[in-house]
Amino acid sequence: MIIQAIKASVLKFVKDEDGLTIVEYAVAGGLITVGVAVAFTDLGTAVHTQITALCTAVGAGGACG
């Protein structure tokens, strides 16, 4: 009788897809977070480059450091 209960519990666990859905959402959220971080890093580098070029063109010297 106990073995049948354990077997039923294991089969129920295997067929349950709620845990898998949570893992999928966690992985998707992590990938989105990494993508946003990379985009902001690239954007920050581009903005820094443009500001440095503007400071050089204006001749501000050390005021733009």
PDB file of N, CA and C in Angstrom:
ATOM      1  N   MET A   1       0.822  -1.196   0.000  1.00  0.00           N
ATOM      2  CA  MET A   1       0.000   0.000   0.000  1.00  0.00           C
ATOM      3  C   MET A   1       0.863   1.256   0.000  1.00  0.00           C
ATOM      4  N   ILE A   2       1.926   1.282   0.799  1.00  0.00           N
ATOM      5  CA  ILE A   2       2.797   2.450   0.876  1.00  0.00           C
ATOM      6  C   ILE A   2       3.539   2.649  -0.445  1.00  0.00           C
ATOM      7  N   ILE A   3       3.950   1.556  -1.065  1.00  0.00           N
ATOM      8  CA  ILE A   3       4.664   1.650  -2.343  1.00  0.00           C
ATOM      9  C   ILE A   3       3.767   2.270  -3.410  1.00  0.00           C
ATOM     10  N   GLN A   4       2.499   1.930  -3.402  1.00  0.00           N
ATOM     11  CA  GLN A   4       1.564   2.513  -4.371  1.00  0.00           C
ATOM     12  C   GLN A   4       1.408   4.016  -4.140  1.00  0.00           C
ATOM     13  N   ALA A   5       1.389   4.432  -2.884  1.00  0.00           N
ATOM     14  CA  ALA A   5       1.274   5.854  -2.562  1.00  0.00           C
ATOM     15  C   ALA A   5       2.520   6.607  -3.023  1.00  0.00           C
ATOM     16  N   ILE A   6       3.681   6.007  -2.817  1.00  0.00           N
ATOM     17  CA  ILE A   6       4.937   6.638  -3.261  1.00  0.00           C
ATOM     18  C   ILE A   6       4.962   6.726  -4.779  1.00  0.00           C
ATOM     19  N   LYS A   7       4.550   5.659  -5.440  1.00  0.00           N
ATOM     20  CA  LYS A   7       4.519   5.650  -6.907  1.00  0.00           C
ATOM     21  C   LYS A   7       3.574   6.721  -7.421  1.00  0.00           C
ATOM     22  N   ALA A   8       2.401   6.856  -6.801  1.00  0.00           N
ATOM     23  CA  ALA A   8       1.431   7.875  -7.212  1.00  0.00           C
ATOM     24  C   ALA A   8       2.003   9.272  -6.998  1.00  0.00           C
ATOM     25  N   SER A   9       2.703   9.476  -5.889  1.00  0.00           N
ATOM     26  CA  SER A   9       3.304  10.785  -5.605  1.00  0.00           C
ATOM     27  C   SER A   9       4.390  11.126  -6.620  1.00  0.00           C
ATOM     28  N   VAL A  10       5.209  10.148  -6.961  1.00  0.00           N
ATOM     29  CA  VAL A  10       6.276  10.379  -7.947  1.00  0.00           C
ATOM     30  C   VAL A  10       5.679  10.691  -9.309  1.00  0.00           C
ATOM     31  N   LEU A  11       4.663   9.947  -9.725  1.00  0.00           N
ATOM     32  CA  LEU A  11       4.027  10.208 -11.021  1.00  0.00           C
ATOM     33  C   LEU A  11       3.369  11.582 -11.045  1.00  0.00           C
ATOM     34  N   LYS A  12       2.749  11.968  -9.945  1.00  0.00           N
ATOM     35  CA  LYS A  12       2.134  13.294  -9.863  1.00  0.00           C
ATOM     36  C   LYS A  12       3.201  14.377  -9.984  1.00  0.00           C
ATOM     37  N   PHE A  13       4.345  14.182  -9.310  1.00  0.00           N
ATOM     38  CA  PHE A  13       5.438  15.148  -9.375  1.00  0.00           C
ATOM     39  C   PHE A  13       5.994  15.268 -10.787  1.00  0.00           C
ATOM     40  N   VAL A  14       6.141  14.146 -11.482  1.00  0.00           N
ATOM     41  CA  VAL A  14       6.694  14.146 -12.838  1.00  0.00           C
ATOM     42  C   VAL A  14       5.749  14.855 -13.807  1.00  0.00           C
ATOM     43  N   LYS A  15       4.451  14.660 -13.623  1.00  0.00           N
ATOM     44  CA  LYS A  15       3.477  15.258 -14.526  1.00  0.00           C
ATOM     45  C   LYS A  15       3.204  16.734 -14.216  1.00  0.00           C
ATOM     46  N   ASP A  16       3.578  17.181 -13.028  1.00  0.00           N
ATOM     47  CA  ASP A  16       3.333  18.553 -12.618  1.00  0.00           C
ATOM     48  C   ASP A  16       4.280  19.490 -13.374  1.00  0.00           C
ATOM     49  N   GLU A  17       3.727  20.453 -14.096  1.00  0.00           N
ATOM     50  CA  GLU A  17       4.536  21.363 -14.897  1.00  0.00           C
ATOM     51  C   GLU A  17       4.635  22.750 -14.281  1.00  0.00           C
ATOM     52  N   ASP A  18       4.062  22.986 -13.118  1.00  0.00           N
ATOM     53  CA  ASP A  18       4.128  24.305 -12.500  1.00  0.00           C
ATOM     54  C   ASP A  18       5.557  24.690 -12.152  1.00  0.00           C
ATOM     55  N   GLY A  19       6.320  23.775 -11.617  1.00  0.00           N
ATOM     56  CA  GLY A  19       7.711  24.065 -11.279  1.00  0.00           C
ATOM     57  C   GLY A  19       8.532  24.407 -12.508  1.00  0.00           C
ATOM     58  N   LEU A  20       8.279  23.714 -13.592  1.00  0.00           N
ATOM     59  CA  LEU A  20       8.990  23.992 -14.834  1.00  0.00           C
ATOM     60  C   LEU A  20       8.648  25.378 -15.341  1.00  0.00           C
ATOM     61  N   THR A  21       7.411  25.784 -15.216  1.00  0.00           N
ATOM     62  CA  THR A  21       7.003  27.110 -15.658  1.00  0.00           C
ATOM     63  C   THR A  21       7.731  28.187 -14.863  1.00  0.00           C
ATOM     64  N   ILE A  22       7.864  27.997 -13.562  1.00  0.00           N
ATOM     65  CA  ILE A  22       8.569  28.966 -12.735  1.00  0.00           C
ATOM     66  C   ILE A  22      10.032  29.063 -13.159  1.00  0.00           C
ATOM     67  N   VAL A  23      10.646  27.935 -13.440  1.00  0.00           N
ATOM     68  CA  VAL A  23      12.042  27.938 -13.883  1.00  0.00           C
ATOM     69  C   VAL A  23      12.170  28.655 -15.222  1.00  0.00           C
ATOM     70  N   GLU A  24      11.236  28.415 -16.122  1.00  0.00           N
ATOM     71  CA  GLU A  24      11.279  29.089 -17.422  1.00  0.00           C
ATOM     72  C   GLU A  24      11.165  30.601 -17.267  1.00  0.00           C
ATOM     73  N   TYR A  25      10.263  31.047 -16.385  1.00  0.00           N
ATOM     74  CA  TYR A  25      10.130  32.489 -16.146  1.00  0.00           C
ATOM     75  C   TYR A  25      11.412  33.054 -15.527  1.00  0.00           C
ATOM     76  N   ALA A  26      12.035  32.318 -14.631  1.00  0.00           N
ATOM     77  CA  ALA A  26      13.276  32.780 -14.002  1.00  0.00           C
ATOM     78  C   ALA A  26      14.395  32.907 -15.029  1.00  0.00           C
ATOM     79  N   VAL A  27      14.499  31.935 -15.918  1.00  0.00           N
ATOM     80  CA  VAL A  27      15.534  31.986 -16.955  1.00  0.00           C
ATOM     81  C   VAL A  27      15.268  33.155 -17.910  1.00  0.00           C
ATOM     82  N   ALA A  28      14.015  33.326 -18.313  1.00  0.00           N
ATOM     83  CA  ALA A  28      13.673  34.437 -19.206  1.00  0.00           C
ATOM     84  C   ALA A  28      13.959  35.770 -18.533  1.00  0.00           C
ATOM     85  N   GLY A  29      13.606  35.896 -17.266  1.00  0.00           N
ATOM     86  CA  GLY A  29      13.886  37.131 -16.539  1.00  0.00           C
ATOM     87  C   GLY A  29      15.368  37.411 -16.437  1.00  0.00           C
ATOM     88  N   GLY A  30      16.148  36.380 -16.206  1.00  0.00           N
ATOM     89  CA  GLY A  30      17.598  36.543 -16.148  1.00  0.00           C
ATOM     90  C   GLY A  30      18.186  36.985 -17.472  1.00  0.00           C
ATOM     91  N   LEU A  31      17.699  36.398 -18.552  1.00  0.00           N
ATOM     92  CA  LEU A  31      18.194  36.792 -19.878  1.00  0.00           C
ATOM     93  C   LEU A  31      17.821  38.234 -20.198  1.00  0.00           C
ATOM     94  N   ILE A  32      16.622  38.637 -19.838  1.00  0.00           N
ATOM     95  CA  ILE A  32      16.203  40.023 -20.071  1.00  0.00           C
ATOM     96  C   ILE A  32      17.073  40.971 -19.255  1.00  0.00           C
ATOM     97  N   THR A  33      17.353  40.609 -18.010  1.00  0.00           N
ATOM     98  CA  THR A  33      18.195  41.448 -17.159  1.00  0.00           C
ATOM     99  C   THR A  33      19.590  41.602 -17.748  1.00  0.00           C
ATOM    100  N   VAL A  34      20.165  40.523 -18.225  1.00  0.00           N
ATOM    101  CA  VAL A  34      21.494  40.584 -18.844  1.00  0.00           C
ATOM    102  C   VAL A  34      21.457  41.457 -20.097  1.00  0.00           C
ATOM    103  N   GLY A  35      20.399  41.310 -20.903  1.00  0.00           N
ATOM    104  CA  GLY A  35      20.272  42.122 -22.115  1.00  0.00           C
ATOM    105  C   GLY A  35      20.179  43.607 -21.809  1.00  0.00           C
ATOM    106  N   VAL A  36      19.407  43.946 -20.787  1.00  0.00           N
ATOM    107  CA  VAL A  36      19.272  45.356 -20.400  1.00  0.00           C
ATOM    108  C   VAL A  36      20.601  45.896 -19.875  1.00  0.00           C
ATOM    109  N   ALA A  37      21.304  45.102 -19.077  1.00  0.00           N
ATOM    110  CA  ALA A  37      22.605  45.535 -18.551  1.00  0.00           C
ATOM    111  C   ALA A  37      23.605  45.781 -19.669  1.00  0.00           C
ATOM    112  N   VAL A  38      23.636  44.892 -20.646  1.00  0.00           N
ATOM    113  CA  VAL A  38      24.551  45.061 -21.785  1.00  0.00           C
ATOM    114  C   VAL A  38      24.169  46.308 -22.590  1.00  0.00           C
ATOM    115  N   ALA A  39      22.868  46.513 -22.804  1.00  0.00           N
ATOM    116  CA  ALA A  39      22.424  47.682 -23.561  1.00  0.00           C
ATOM    117  C   ALA A  39      22.808  48.972 -22.845  1.00  0.00           C
ATOM    118  N   PHE A  40      22.616  49.037 -21.523  1.00  0.00           N
ATOM    119  CA  PHE A  40      22.972  50.244 -20.786  1.00  0.00           C
ATOM    120  C   PHE A  40      24.477  50.463 -20.765  1.00  0.00           C
ATOM    121  N   THR A  41      25.243  49.391 -20.695  1.00  0.00           N
ATOM    122  CA  THR A  41      26.703  49.524 -20.726  1.00  0.00           C
ATOM    123  C   THR A  41      27.155  50.088 -22.059  1.00  0.00           C
ATOM    124  N   ASP A  42      26.616  49.555 -23.148  1.00  0.00           N
ATOM    125  CA  ASP A  42      26.967  50.060 -24.474  1.00  0.00           C
ATOM    126  C   ASP A  42      26.514  51.502 -24.652  1.00  0.00           C
ATOM    127  N   LEU A  43      25.322  51.804 -24.170  1.00  0.00           N
ATOM    128  CA  LEU A  43      24.803  53.166 -24.271  1.00  0.00           C
ATOM    129  C   LEU A  43      25.679  54.129 -23.472  1.00  0.00           C
ATOM    130  N   GLY A  44      26.085  53.718 -22.269  1.00  0.00           N
ATOM    131  CA  GLY A  44      26.946  54.562 -21.437  1.00  0.00           C
ATOM    132  C   GLY A  44      28.283  54.832 -22.105  1.00  0.00           C
ATOM    133  N   THR A  45      28.847  53.820 -22.740  1.00  0.00           N
ATOM    134  CA  THR A  45      30.112  53.994 -23.457  1.00  0.00           C
ATOM    135  C   THR A  45      29.949  54.960 -24.622  1.00  0.00           C
ATOM    136  N   ALA A  46      28.856  54.825 -25.364  1.00  0.00           N
ATOM    137  CA  ALA A  46      28.612  55.715 -26.503  1.00  0.00           C
ATOM    138  C   ALA A  46      28.407  57.152 -26.041  1.00  0.00           C
ATOM    139  N   VAL A  47      27.662  57.336 -24.956  1.00  0.00           N
ATOM    140  CA  VAL A  47      27.431  58.688 -24.438  1.00  0.00           C
ATOM    141  C   VAL A  47      28.741  59.298 -23.952  1.00  0.00           C
ATOM    142  N   HIS A  48      29.549  58.504 -23.252  1.00  0.00           N
ATOM    143  CA  HIS A  48      30.851  59.006 -22.779  1.00  0.00           C
ATOM    144  C   HIS A  48      31.730  59.439 -23.947  1.00  0.00           C
ATOM    145  N   THR A  49      31.736  58.652 -25.001  1.00  0.00           N
ATOM    146  CA  THR A  49      32.535  58.982 -26.177  1.00  0.00           C
ATOM    147  C   THR A  49      32.064  60.294 -26.797  1.00  0.00           C
ATOM    148  N   GLN A  50      30.761  60.480 -26.905  1.00  0.00           N
ATOM    149  CA  GLN A  50      30.222  61.711 -27.495  1.00  0.00           C
ATOM    150  C   GLN A  50      30.517  62.931 -26.617  1.00  0.00           C
ATOM    151  N   ILE A  51      30.395  62.785 -25.310  1.00  0.00           N
ATOM    152  CA  ILE A  51      30.671  63.908 -24.409  1.00  0.00           C
ATOM    153  C   ILE A  51      32.149  64.272 -24.449  1.00  0.00           C
ATOM    154  N   THR A  52      33.008  63.258 -24.511  1.00  0.00           N
ATOM    155  CA  THR A  52      34.447  63.523 -24.610  1.00  0.00           C
ATOM    156  C   THR A  52      34.771  64.259 -25.910  1.00  0.00           C
ATOM    157  N   ALA A  53      34.160  63.837 -27.006  1.00  0.00           N
ATOM    158  CA  ALA A  53      34.381  64.511 -28.294  1.00  0.00           C
ATOM    159  C   ALA A  53      33.870  65.944 -28.234  1.00  0.00           C
ATOM    160  N   LEU A  54      32.742  66.163 -27.589  1.00  0.00           N
ATOM    161  CA  LEU A  54      32.193  67.514 -27.471  1.00  0.00           C
ATOM    162  C   LEU A  54      33.110  68.398 -26.628  1.00  0.00           C
ATOM    163  N   CYS A  55      33.622  67.862 -25.526  1.00  0.00           N
ATOM    164  CA  CYS A  55      34.537  68.627 -24.677  1.00  0.00           C
ATOM    165  C   CYS A  55      35.815  68.978 -25.429  1.00  0.00           C
ATOM    166  N   THR A  56      36.295  68.046 -26.208  1.00  0.00           N
ATOM    167  CA  THR A  56      37.504  68.310 -26.999  1.00  0.00           C
ATOM    168  C   THR A  56      37.251  69.375 -28.036  1.00  0.00           C
ATOM    169  N   ALA A  57      36.089  69.322 -28.679  1.00  0.00           N
ATOM    170  CA  ALA A  57      35.754  70.299 -29.713  1.00  0.00           C
ATOM    171  C   ALA A  57      35.581  71.699 -29.123  1.00  0.00           C
ATOM    172  N   VAL A  58      35.013  71.755 -27.931  1.00  0.00           N
ATOM    173  CA  VAL A  58      34.791  73.062 -27.302  1.00  0.00           C
ATOM    174  C   VAL A  58      36.087  73.566 -26.674  1.00  0.00           C
ATOM    175  N   GLY A  59      36.973  72.668 -26.339  1.00  0.00           N
ATOM    176  CA  GLY A  59      38.243  73.054 -25.731  1.00  0.00           C
ATOM    177  C   GLY A  59      38.117  73.265 -24.239  1.00  0.00           C
ATOM    178  N   ALA A  60      37.234  72.521 -23.597  1.00  0.00           N
ATOM    179  CA  ALA A  60      36.998  72.684 -22.166  1.00  0.00           C
ATOM    180  C   ALA A  60      38.138  72.131 -21.328  1.00  0.00           C
ATOM    181  N   GLY A  61      38.963  71.330 -21.921  1.00  0.00           N
ATOM    182  CA  GLY A  61      40.118  70.783 -21.205  1.00  0.00           C
ATOM    183  C   GLY A  61      39.703  69.869 -20.070  1.00  0.00           C
ATOM    184  N   GLY A  62      40.150  70.174 -18.857  1.00  0.00           N
ATOM    185  CA  GLY A  62      39.890  69.332 -17.705  1.00  0.00           C
ATOM    186  C   GLY A  62      38.505  69.528 -17.096  1.00  0.00           C
ATOM    187  N   ALA A  63      37.727  70.495 -17.593  1.00  0.00           N
ATOM    188  CA  ALA A  63      36.417  70.762 -17.005  1.00  0.00           C
ATOM    189  C   ALA A  63      35.421  69.646 -17.289  1.00  0.00           C
ATOM    190  N   CYS A  64      35.704  68.789 -18.259  1.00  0.00           N
ATOM    191  CA  CYS A  64      34.774  67.716 -18.610  1.00  0.00           C
ATOM    192  C   CYS A  64      35.209  66.374 -18.054  1.00  0.00           C
ATOM    193  N   GLY A  65      36.151  66.340 -17.156  1.00  0.00           N
ATOM    194  CA  GLY A  65      36.696  65.098 -16.644  1.00  0.00           C
ATOM    195  C   GLY A  65      35.732  64.386 -15.780  1.00  0.00           C
TER     196      GLY A  65
END
